[in-house]
N, C-alpha and C. Protein backbone atom coordinates (compact mmCIF):
# COMPACT_ATOMS: atom_id res chain seq x y z
N MET A 1 131.67 183.36 193.10
CA MET A 1 130.38 183.09 193.54
C MET A 1 130.43 183.96 195.11
N LEU A 2 129.09 184.02 195.42
CA LEU A 2 129.18 184.66 196.31
C LEU A 2 127.43 183.56 196.65
N LEU A 3 128.04 183.09 197.71
CA LEU A 3 126.71 182.16 198.59
C LEU A 3 126.24 183.30 200.34
N HIS A 4 125.04 183.08 199.92
CA HIS A 4 124.39 183.74 200.99
C HIS A 4 123.72 183.30 201.83
N LEU A 5 124.03 182.74 203.17
CA LEU A 5 123.99 181.58 204.42
C LEU A 5 122.57 182.43 204.94
N ASN A 6 121.22 181.43 205.07
CA ASN A 6 120.43 181.92 206.24
C ASN A 6 119.89 180.30 207.15
N LYS A 7 119.04 180.65 207.75
CA LYS A 7 118.55 179.73 208.78
C LYS A 7 117.98 178.33 207.68
N GLN A 8 117.00 178.90 206.52
CA GLN A 8 116.56 177.68 205.53
C GLN A 8 117.76 176.85 205.15
N HIS A 9 119.11 177.12 204.77
CA HIS A 9 119.52 176.60 204.47
C HIS A 9 120.26 175.30 204.91
N ILE A 10 120.18 175.41 206.36
CA ILE A 10 120.72 174.57 207.56
C ILE A 10 119.24 173.54 207.45
N GLU A 11 117.95 174.18 207.34
CA GLU A 11 116.80 173.49 207.60
C GLU A 11 116.48 172.52 206.86
N ALA A 12 116.31 173.21 205.41
CA ALA A 12 116.27 172.26 204.86
C ALA A 12 117.02 171.83 203.04
N PRO A 13 118.01 170.75 203.00
CA PRO A 13 118.97 171.22 201.88
C PRO A 13 118.53 170.68 200.64
N ILE A 14 118.86 171.02 199.48
CA ILE A 14 118.08 171.16 198.40
C ILE A 14 119.38 169.99 197.30
N TYR A 15 119.03 169.27 196.83
CA TYR A 15 119.48 168.40 196.01
C TYR A 15 120.07 168.35 194.61
N THR A 16 120.57 169.61 193.98
CA THR A 16 120.38 169.88 192.60
C THR A 16 121.31 168.70 191.45
N THR A 17 121.93 167.75 192.13
CA THR A 17 121.95 166.99 190.93
C THR A 17 122.69 165.91 191.95
N ASN A 18 122.21 164.60 191.15
CA ASN A 18 122.60 163.16 191.50
C ASN A 18 122.69 162.38 190.68
N LYS A 19 123.94 161.49 190.26
CA LYS A 19 124.46 160.56 190.05
C LYS A 19 124.57 159.04 189.77
N ARG A 20 123.31 158.60 189.11
CA ARG A 20 123.60 156.71 188.51
C ARG A 20 124.48 156.01 188.50
N ILE A 21 124.94 155.55 188.71
CA ILE A 21 125.88 154.14 188.11
C ILE A 21 125.24 152.98 188.37
N LEU A 22 125.41 152.67 187.16
CA LEU A 22 124.99 150.79 187.30
C LEU A 22 125.64 150.00 188.20
N GLU A 23 125.42 149.22 188.70
CA GLU A 23 126.44 148.06 189.57
C GLU A 23 126.23 147.44 188.80
N ASP A 24 127.46 145.87 189.42
CA ASP A 24 127.41 145.33 188.11
C ASP A 24 126.02 144.10 187.87
N ASP A 25 125.54 144.00 189.36
CA ASP A 25 124.30 143.23 188.62
C ASP A 25 122.93 143.78 188.48
N GLY A 26 123.26 145.37 187.66
CA GLY A 26 122.23 146.02 187.03
C GLY A 26 121.68 146.86 188.06
N GLU A 27 121.57 147.24 188.76
CA GLU A 27 121.11 148.04 189.79
C GLU A 27 121.74 149.41 190.15
N GLU A 28 120.81 150.27 189.98
CA GLU A 28 121.86 151.64 190.24
C GLU A 28 121.89 152.05 192.20
N ALA A 29 123.61 152.35 191.90
CA ALA A 29 124.17 152.70 192.62
C ALA A 29 123.97 154.38 193.23
N GLU A 30 123.77 154.41 194.27
CA GLU A 30 123.23 156.06 195.04
C GLU A 30 124.10 156.61 195.47
N TYR A 31 124.92 157.82 195.40
CA TYR A 31 125.79 158.11 195.80
C TYR A 31 125.59 159.36 196.31
N PHE A 32 124.78 159.61 197.16
CA PHE A 32 124.29 160.49 198.20
C PHE A 32 123.24 159.99 199.21
N TYR A 33 123.62 161.00 199.74
CA TYR A 33 122.06 160.85 201.45
C TYR A 33 120.92 161.24 201.44
N THR A 34 119.85 160.22 201.75
CA THR A 34 118.67 161.28 201.58
C THR A 34 118.43 162.48 202.52
N ARG A 35 117.39 162.70 202.93
CA ARG A 35 117.34 164.02 203.52
C ARG A 35 117.70 163.30 205.22
N GLU A 36 116.67 162.25 205.55
CA GLU A 36 116.90 161.53 206.58
C GLU A 36 118.47 160.97 206.97
N GLN A 37 118.66 160.69 205.86
CA GLN A 37 120.26 159.83 206.47
C GLN A 37 121.55 161.08 206.20
N LEU A 38 121.14 162.60 206.08
CA LEU A 38 121.86 163.39 205.94
C LEU A 38 121.94 164.02 207.72
N ILE A 39 120.58 164.07 208.31
CA ILE A 39 120.31 164.31 209.56
C ILE A 39 121.14 163.38 210.97
N HIS A 40 120.78 162.30 210.42
CA HIS A 40 121.13 160.74 211.44
C HIS A 40 122.75 161.21 211.07
N PHE A 41 123.45 161.72 209.94
CA PHE A 41 124.74 160.68 209.80
C PHE A 41 125.53 162.47 210.62
N LEU A 42 124.45 163.39 210.42
CA LEU A 42 125.21 164.78 211.17
C LEU A 42 125.66 164.84 212.30
N SER A 43 124.55 164.06 212.77
CA SER A 43 123.50 164.26 214.54
C SER A 43 125.00 162.78 215.39
N CYS A 44 124.85 162.27 214.59
CA CYS A 44 125.99 161.55 215.05
C CYS A 44 127.78 162.13 214.71
N LEU A 45 127.77 162.52 213.65
CA LEU A 45 128.55 163.06 213.74
C LEU A 45 129.38 164.18 214.84
N GLU A 46 128.40 164.77 214.99
CA GLU A 46 127.99 166.42 215.55
C GLU A 46 128.74 165.89 217.52
N GLN A 47 128.16 164.70 218.34
CA GLN A 47 128.64 163.98 219.26
C GLN A 47 130.45 163.76 219.35
N GLU A 48 130.80 163.89 218.06
CA GLU A 48 132.37 163.00 217.90
C GLU A 48 133.19 164.38 218.79
N ILE A 49 134.01 163.92 218.73
CA ILE A 49 135.29 165.15 219.32
C ILE A 49 136.28 166.22 218.47
N ASN A 50 135.71 165.49 216.86
CA ASN A 50 136.65 166.75 216.12
C ASN A 50 135.66 167.49 215.40
N CYS A 51 135.48 168.42 216.01
CA CYS A 51 134.20 169.76 215.58
C CYS A 51 135.04 170.28 214.11
N LYS A 52 136.32 170.41 214.17
CA LYS A 52 136.31 170.88 212.44
C LYS A 52 135.53 169.89 211.59
N ALA A 53 135.94 168.21 211.35
CA ALA A 53 135.69 167.57 210.95
C ALA A 53 133.97 167.90 210.52
N TYR A 54 133.75 167.89 211.68
CA TYR A 54 131.75 168.33 211.83
C TYR A 54 131.25 169.78 211.24
N SER A 55 131.88 170.82 211.35
CA SER A 55 131.71 171.84 210.56
C SER A 55 132.08 172.04 209.06
N LEU A 56 133.07 171.50 208.59
CA LEU A 56 133.55 170.84 206.91
C LEU A 56 132.03 170.12 206.68
N LEU A 57 132.19 169.07 207.21
CA LEU A 57 130.63 168.17 206.72
C LEU A 57 129.73 169.29 206.76
N LEU A 58 129.44 169.63 207.43
CA LEU A 58 127.99 170.45 207.41
C LEU A 58 127.81 171.64 206.85
N LEU A 59 129.18 172.45 205.98
CA LEU A 59 129.40 173.26 205.20
C LEU A 59 129.17 172.71 203.96
N LEU A 60 129.79 171.76 203.45
CA LEU A 60 130.12 170.60 202.53
C LEU A 60 128.15 170.46 201.66
N ALA A 61 127.52 169.57 203.38
CA ALA A 61 126.55 169.46 203.26
C ALA A 61 125.16 170.84 202.67
N PHE A 62 125.41 171.79 203.20
CA PHE A 62 124.33 172.67 202.79
C PHE A 62 124.78 173.62 201.94
N SER A 63 125.92 173.61 201.68
CA SER A 63 126.17 174.70 201.22
C SER A 63 125.91 174.52 199.16
N GLY A 64 126.64 172.77 199.00
CA GLY A 64 126.33 172.50 197.64
C GLY A 64 128.31 173.03 197.11
N MET A 65 128.76 173.65 197.68
CA MET A 65 130.94 173.90 197.44
C MET A 65 130.99 172.66 197.42
N HIS A 66 132.65 172.48 196.50
CA HIS A 66 133.19 170.89 196.45
C HIS A 66 133.71 171.49 197.50
N LYS A 67 134.85 170.47 197.75
CA LYS A 67 135.28 170.35 198.53
C LYS A 67 136.67 171.26 198.45
N GLY A 68 137.35 171.12 197.79
CA GLY A 68 138.23 171.85 197.08
C GLY A 68 138.08 173.82 197.83
N GLU A 69 136.79 173.55 197.33
CA GLU A 69 136.31 174.97 197.32
C GLU A 69 136.50 175.45 199.25
N ALA A 70 136.02 174.33 199.88
CA ALA A 70 135.47 174.75 201.21
C ALA A 70 136.72 175.09 201.55
N LEU A 71 138.21 173.80 201.33
CA LEU A 71 139.20 173.42 202.34
C LEU A 71 140.23 175.19 201.79
N ALA A 72 139.91 176.31 200.85
CA ALA A 72 140.61 176.94 199.97
C ALA A 72 140.37 178.35 201.03
N LEU A 73 138.72 178.31 202.05
CA LEU A 73 138.57 179.31 202.54
C LEU A 73 139.69 180.18 203.26
N THR A 74 139.76 181.44 203.25
CA THR A 74 140.17 182.19 204.05
C THR A 74 139.06 182.76 205.31
N TRP A 75 139.58 183.19 206.30
CA TRP A 75 138.78 184.19 206.81
C TRP A 75 137.95 185.33 206.53
N ILE A 76 138.87 185.58 205.16
CA ILE A 76 138.59 187.50 204.63
C ILE A 76 137.40 186.74 203.60
N ASP A 77 136.99 185.58 203.38
CA ASP A 77 136.07 185.25 202.91
C ASP A 77 134.96 185.29 203.28
N LEU A 78 134.54 185.67 204.53
CA LEU A 78 133.43 185.85 205.79
C LEU A 78 133.05 186.52 205.67
N ASN A 79 132.01 187.23 205.61
CA ASN A 79 131.40 188.15 205.62
C ASN A 79 130.06 188.21 206.80
N PHE A 80 130.56 188.20 208.41
CA PHE A 80 128.92 188.39 209.65
C PHE A 80 128.20 188.97 209.67
N THR A 81 128.93 190.04 208.97
CA THR A 81 127.31 191.33 209.11
C THR A 81 126.52 190.91 207.97
N THR A 82 126.34 191.04 206.74
CA THR A 82 125.79 190.24 205.75
C THR A 82 125.17 188.80 205.42
N ASN A 83 126.21 187.68 206.84
CA ASN A 83 125.78 186.20 206.27
C ASN A 83 126.16 185.66 204.87
N GLU A 84 127.63 186.64 204.65
CA GLU A 84 127.61 185.72 203.13
C GLU A 84 129.15 185.35 203.00
N LEU A 85 129.21 184.26 202.19
CA LEU A 85 130.63 183.64 201.89
C LEU A 85 131.23 183.87 200.47
N ARG A 86 132.49 184.57 200.18
CA ARG A 86 132.60 184.28 198.63
C ARG A 86 133.77 182.86 198.65
N ILE A 87 133.34 182.77 197.48
CA ILE A 87 133.73 181.06 196.96
C ILE A 87 134.51 181.64 195.60
N ASN A 88 136.17 182.02 195.95
CA ASN A 88 136.97 182.47 195.18
C ASN A 88 138.18 181.60 194.59
N LYS A 89 138.13 180.42 195.25
CA LYS A 89 139.52 179.96 195.13
C LYS A 89 138.89 178.16 195.29
N ALA A 90 139.91 177.41 194.95
CA ALA A 90 139.94 175.97 195.46
C ALA A 90 141.52 175.43 195.87
N LEU A 91 140.56 174.85 196.03
CA LEU A 91 142.51 173.86 196.17
C LEU A 91 142.33 172.22 195.19
N SER A 92 143.62 172.05 194.81
CA SER A 92 143.36 170.99 193.86
C SER A 92 144.52 170.02 194.19
N SER A 93 144.69 169.08 193.63
CA SER A 93 146.00 168.16 193.79
C SER A 93 146.50 167.87 192.13
N GLY A 94 148.10 168.30 192.41
CA GLY A 94 148.77 168.00 190.95
C GLY A 94 149.56 166.68 190.71
N LYS A 95 149.98 166.82 189.70
CA LYS A 95 150.85 165.30 189.65
C LYS A 95 152.07 165.34 191.35
N CYS A 96 151.95 164.15 191.15
CA CYS A 96 152.61 164.08 192.83
C CYS A 96 151.96 164.60 193.86
N ASN A 97 150.92 164.91 193.88
CA ASN A 97 149.87 164.98 194.47
C ASN A 97 150.12 166.26 195.53
N TYR A 98 151.07 167.27 195.00
CA TYR A 98 151.59 168.58 195.16
C TYR A 98 149.93 169.14 195.58
N LEU A 99 149.79 170.28 196.06
CA LEU A 99 148.52 170.99 196.44
C LEU A 99 148.95 171.80 195.08
N ILE A 100 147.48 172.57 194.73
CA ILE A 100 147.79 173.67 193.95
C ILE A 100 146.26 174.66 194.05
N PHE A 101 146.60 175.50 194.23
CA PHE A 101 145.93 176.69 194.85
C PHE A 101 145.14 177.02 193.34
N ILE A 102 144.65 177.12 192.89
CA ILE A 102 142.91 177.51 191.78
C ILE A 102 142.26 179.00 192.16
N GLU A 103 142.77 179.95 191.02
CA GLU A 103 141.52 181.47 191.57
C GLU A 103 140.52 181.04 190.96
N ILE A 104 139.35 181.42 191.15
CA ILE A 104 138.46 181.57 190.53
C ILE A 104 137.59 182.24 190.19
N VAL A 105 137.18 182.87 188.80
CA VAL A 105 137.26 184.53 188.50
C VAL A 105 135.87 184.64 187.95
């Protein structure tokens, strides 16, 4: 999978799916941030010391990739000339929480 990033991805996140689960009282529980909540969360996180966490959550929020795909990225997957990010592998946990490296074809 090839992801092309530009400024539009950062300014206007797009929600492709949203899962709704009923809580005990019959109300629907929402498991995603609204655009305003996401902007507020990221602006608070940006002021923290941990820039790695901020970078990871920013990437997840605006790219749509799964955390295992983001954690498996290497510098070879980035092309700064064309602003492309190649998603071709993922990390997952197997039995006894051993990490499994999965190549995506």
